[in-house]
Amino acid sequence: MTPEEKEVLRDAVDKKRRDEPFESSLARQVKNHGLTYDDYIHLVSDVRDVAKQKEIGVEEAARQLSS
């Protein structure tokens, strides 16, 4: 995972609104960072894979991937 992708994940977790799904926050940050829809699909897929593998939530998976 590139440093820019890690930054996008970190921003998505940090700037997530209270009643907003993580995926919406991620989509907003992908757009803000000038990335593409394909980048979004790649990131959300990686996050969901880690979440499923470790049996944790997607936000926690994003935190782990961004560190």
N, C-alpha and C. Protein backbone atom coordinates (compact mmCIF):
# COMPACT_ATOMS: atom_id res chain seq x y z
N MET A 1 0.84 -1.17 0.00
CA MET A 1 0.00 0.00 0.00
C MET A 1 0.90 1.24 0.00
N THR A 2 0.57 2.19 -0.87
CA THR A 2 1.38 3.39 -1.00
C THR A 2 1.15 4.34 0.17
N PRO A 3 2.09 5.24 0.42
CA PRO A 3 1.89 6.24 1.47
C PRO A 3 0.64 7.09 1.24
N GLU A 4 0.34 7.41 -0.02
CA GLU A 4 -0.86 8.21 -0.31
C GLU A 4 -2.12 7.43 0.04
N GLU A 5 -2.15 6.13 -0.27
CA GLU A 5 -3.32 5.31 0.06
C GLU A 5 -3.49 5.23 1.58
N LYS A 6 -2.38 5.11 2.29
CA LYS A 6 -2.45 5.08 3.76
C LYS A 6 -2.99 6.40 4.30
N GLU A 7 -2.58 7.50 3.69
CA GLU A 7 -3.07 8.81 4.12
C GLU A 7 -4.57 8.94 3.87
N VAL A 8 -5.04 8.44 2.74
CA VAL A 8 -6.47 8.48 2.42
C VAL A 8 -7.26 7.67 3.46
N LEU A 9 -6.78 6.48 3.79
CA LEU A 9 -7.45 5.66 4.80
C LEU A 9 -7.47 6.37 6.15
N ARG A 10 -6.35 6.94 6.54
CA ARG A 10 -6.25 7.66 7.82
C ARG A 10 -7.24 8.82 7.84
N ASP A 11 -7.29 9.59 6.75
CA ASP A 11 -8.23 10.71 6.67
C ASP A 11 -9.68 10.23 6.71
N ALA A 12 -9.96 9.13 6.05
CA ALA A 12 -11.33 8.60 6.04
C ALA A 12 -11.78 8.22 7.44
N VAL A 13 -10.90 7.65 8.23
CA VAL A 13 -11.24 7.29 9.61
C VAL A 13 -11.36 8.55 10.47
N ASP A 14 -10.39 9.44 10.34
CA ASP A 14 -10.36 10.64 11.19
C ASP A 14 -11.49 11.62 10.89
N LYS A 15 -11.90 11.70 9.63
CA LYS A 15 -12.89 12.70 9.22
C LYS A 15 -14.28 12.13 8.99
N LYS A 16 -14.48 10.89 9.42
CA LYS A 16 -15.78 10.24 9.27
C LYS A 16 -16.81 10.96 10.12
N ARG A 17 -17.94 11.22 9.53
CA ARG A 17 -19.04 11.86 10.27
C ARG A 17 -19.75 10.83 11.14
N ARG A 18 -20.40 11.31 12.16
CA ARG A 18 -20.98 10.45 13.18
C ARG A 18 -21.88 9.33 12.63
N ASP A 19 -22.84 9.69 11.81
CA ASP A 19 -23.81 8.70 11.32
C ASP A 19 -23.55 8.29 9.88
N GLU A 20 -22.29 8.30 9.49
CA GLU A 20 -21.92 8.03 8.11
C GLU A 20 -21.23 6.67 8.01
N PRO A 21 -21.58 5.87 7.01
CA PRO A 21 -20.84 4.63 6.80
C PRO A 21 -19.39 4.92 6.42
N PHE A 22 -18.49 4.04 6.81
CA PHE A 22 -17.07 4.24 6.51
C PHE A 22 -16.84 4.39 5.01
N GLU A 23 -17.55 3.61 4.21
CA GLU A 23 -17.35 3.64 2.77
C GLU A 23 -17.65 5.02 2.18
N SER A 24 -18.62 5.73 2.73
CA SER A 24 -18.92 7.08 2.26
C SER A 24 -17.79 8.05 2.59
N SER A 25 -17.27 7.91 3.79
CA SER A 25 -16.14 8.74 4.19
C SER A 25 -14.93 8.45 3.31
N LEU A 26 -14.70 7.19 3.03
CA LEU A 26 -13.58 6.81 2.16
C LEU A 26 -13.77 7.38 0.76
N ALA A 27 -14.97 7.29 0.22
CA ALA A 27 -15.24 7.82 -1.12
C ALA A 27 -14.96 9.32 -1.16
N ARG A 28 -15.37 10.05 -0.13
CA ARG A 28 -15.13 11.49 -0.07
C ARG A 28 -13.64 11.80 -0.04
N GLN A 29 -12.89 11.04 0.75
CA GLN A 29 -11.45 11.29 0.85
C GLN A 29 -10.71 10.89 -0.43
N VAL A 30 -11.16 9.84 -1.09
CA VAL A 30 -10.57 9.47 -2.38
C VAL A 30 -10.73 10.63 -3.37
N LYS A 31 -11.93 11.20 -3.39
CA LYS A 31 -12.19 12.34 -4.28
C LYS A 31 -11.33 13.55 -3.88
N ASN A 32 -11.26 13.84 -2.58
CA ASN A 32 -10.48 14.99 -2.10
C ASN A 32 -9.00 14.86 -2.42
N HIS A 33 -8.50 13.65 -2.47
CA HIS A 33 -7.09 13.42 -2.76
C HIS A 33 -6.82 13.27 -4.26
N GLY A 34 -7.86 13.38 -5.07
CA GLY A 34 -7.69 13.33 -6.52
C GLY A 34 -7.48 11.94 -7.08
N LEU A 35 -7.91 10.93 -6.33
CA LEU A 35 -7.78 9.55 -6.81
C LEU A 35 -9.01 9.16 -7.63
N THR A 36 -8.98 7.98 -8.21
CA THR A 36 -10.04 7.54 -9.12
C THR A 36 -10.97 6.54 -8.43
N TYR A 37 -12.07 6.24 -9.12
CA TYR A 37 -13.01 5.24 -8.63
C TYR A 37 -12.32 3.88 -8.51
N ASP A 38 -11.44 3.57 -9.43
CA ASP A 38 -10.69 2.30 -9.35
C ASP A 38 -9.85 2.25 -8.08
N ASP A 39 -9.27 3.40 -7.70
CA ASP A 39 -8.51 3.46 -6.45
C ASP A 39 -9.43 3.19 -5.25
N TYR A 40 -10.63 3.77 -5.30
CA TYR A 40 -11.62 3.54 -4.24
C TYR A 40 -11.94 2.05 -4.12
N ILE A 41 -12.21 1.43 -5.24
CA ILE A 41 -12.55 0.00 -5.25
C ILE A 41 -11.41 -0.82 -4.66
N HIS A 42 -10.19 -0.50 -5.05
CA HIS A 42 -9.00 -1.20 -4.53
C HIS A 42 -8.90 -1.03 -3.01
N LEU A 43 -9.06 0.20 -2.52
CA LEU A 43 -8.94 0.46 -1.09
C LEU A 43 -10.05 -0.22 -0.29
N VAL A 44 -11.28 -0.08 -0.73
CA VAL A 44 -12.39 -0.67 0.03
C VAL A 44 -12.28 -2.20 0.03
N SER A 45 -11.80 -2.76 -1.06
CA SER A 45 -11.59 -4.21 -1.12
C SER A 45 -10.53 -4.65 -0.12
N ASP A 46 -9.41 -3.93 -0.07
CA ASP A 46 -8.35 -4.26 0.89
C ASP A 46 -8.85 -4.16 2.32
N VAL A 47 -9.59 -3.09 2.62
CA VAL A 47 -10.11 -2.89 3.98
C VAL A 47 -11.07 -4.02 4.35
N ARG A 48 -11.97 -4.35 3.46
CA ARG A 48 -12.95 -5.42 3.75
C ARG A 48 -12.26 -6.78 3.91
N ASP A 49 -11.24 -7.03 3.10
CA ASP A 49 -10.50 -8.30 3.23
C ASP A 49 -9.85 -8.43 4.59
N VAL A 50 -9.21 -7.35 5.06
CA VAL A 50 -8.57 -7.38 6.38
C VAL A 50 -9.62 -7.52 7.47
N ALA A 51 -10.72 -6.80 7.34
CA ALA A 51 -11.78 -6.86 8.35
C ALA A 51 -12.34 -8.28 8.46
N LYS A 52 -12.55 -8.91 7.33
CA LYS A 52 -13.09 -10.27 7.34
C LYS A 52 -12.06 -11.25 7.90
N GLN A 53 -10.82 -11.12 7.47
CA GLN A 53 -9.76 -12.02 7.90
C GLN A 53 -9.54 -11.95 9.40
N LYS A 54 -9.54 -10.74 9.95
CA LYS A 54 -9.26 -10.56 11.38
C LYS A 54 -10.52 -10.47 12.23
N GLU A 55 -11.69 -10.56 11.56
CA GLU A 55 -12.99 -10.48 12.25
C GLU A 55 -13.11 -9.21 13.08
N ILE A 56 -12.84 -8.08 12.41
CA ILE A 56 -12.96 -6.77 13.03
C ILE A 56 -13.79 -5.88 12.12
N GLY A 57 -14.14 -4.69 12.59
CA GLY A 57 -14.90 -3.76 11.79
C GLY A 57 -14.04 -3.11 10.71
N VAL A 58 -14.70 -2.51 9.73
CA VAL A 58 -13.97 -1.90 8.62
C VAL A 58 -13.18 -0.68 9.08
N GLU A 59 -13.69 0.07 10.04
CA GLU A 59 -12.93 1.23 10.53
C GLU A 59 -11.63 0.79 11.21
N GLU A 60 -11.71 -0.24 12.02
CA GLU A 60 -10.50 -0.74 12.69
C GLU A 60 -9.53 -1.32 11.65
N ALA A 61 -10.04 -2.00 10.66
CA ALA A 61 -9.19 -2.53 9.60
C ALA A 61 -8.47 -1.40 8.86
N ALA A 62 -9.19 -0.31 8.59
CA ALA A 62 -8.59 0.85 7.92
C ALA A 62 -7.51 1.46 8.80
N ARG A 63 -7.76 1.54 10.10
CA ARG A 63 -6.75 2.07 11.02
C ARG A 63 -5.47 1.21 10.96
N GLN A 64 -5.65 -0.09 10.98
CA GLN A 64 -4.50 -0.99 10.95
C GLN A 64 -3.74 -0.86 9.63
N LEU A 65 -4.47 -0.76 8.53
CA LEU A 65 -3.81 -0.65 7.23
C LEU A 65 -3.09 0.69 7.05
N SER A 66 -3.58 1.72 7.70
CA SER A 66 -3.01 3.05 7.52
C SER A 66 -1.80 3.31 8.40
N SER A 67 -1.53 2.41 9.33
CA SER A 67 -0.39 2.64 10.22
C SER A 67 0.89 2.01 9.68
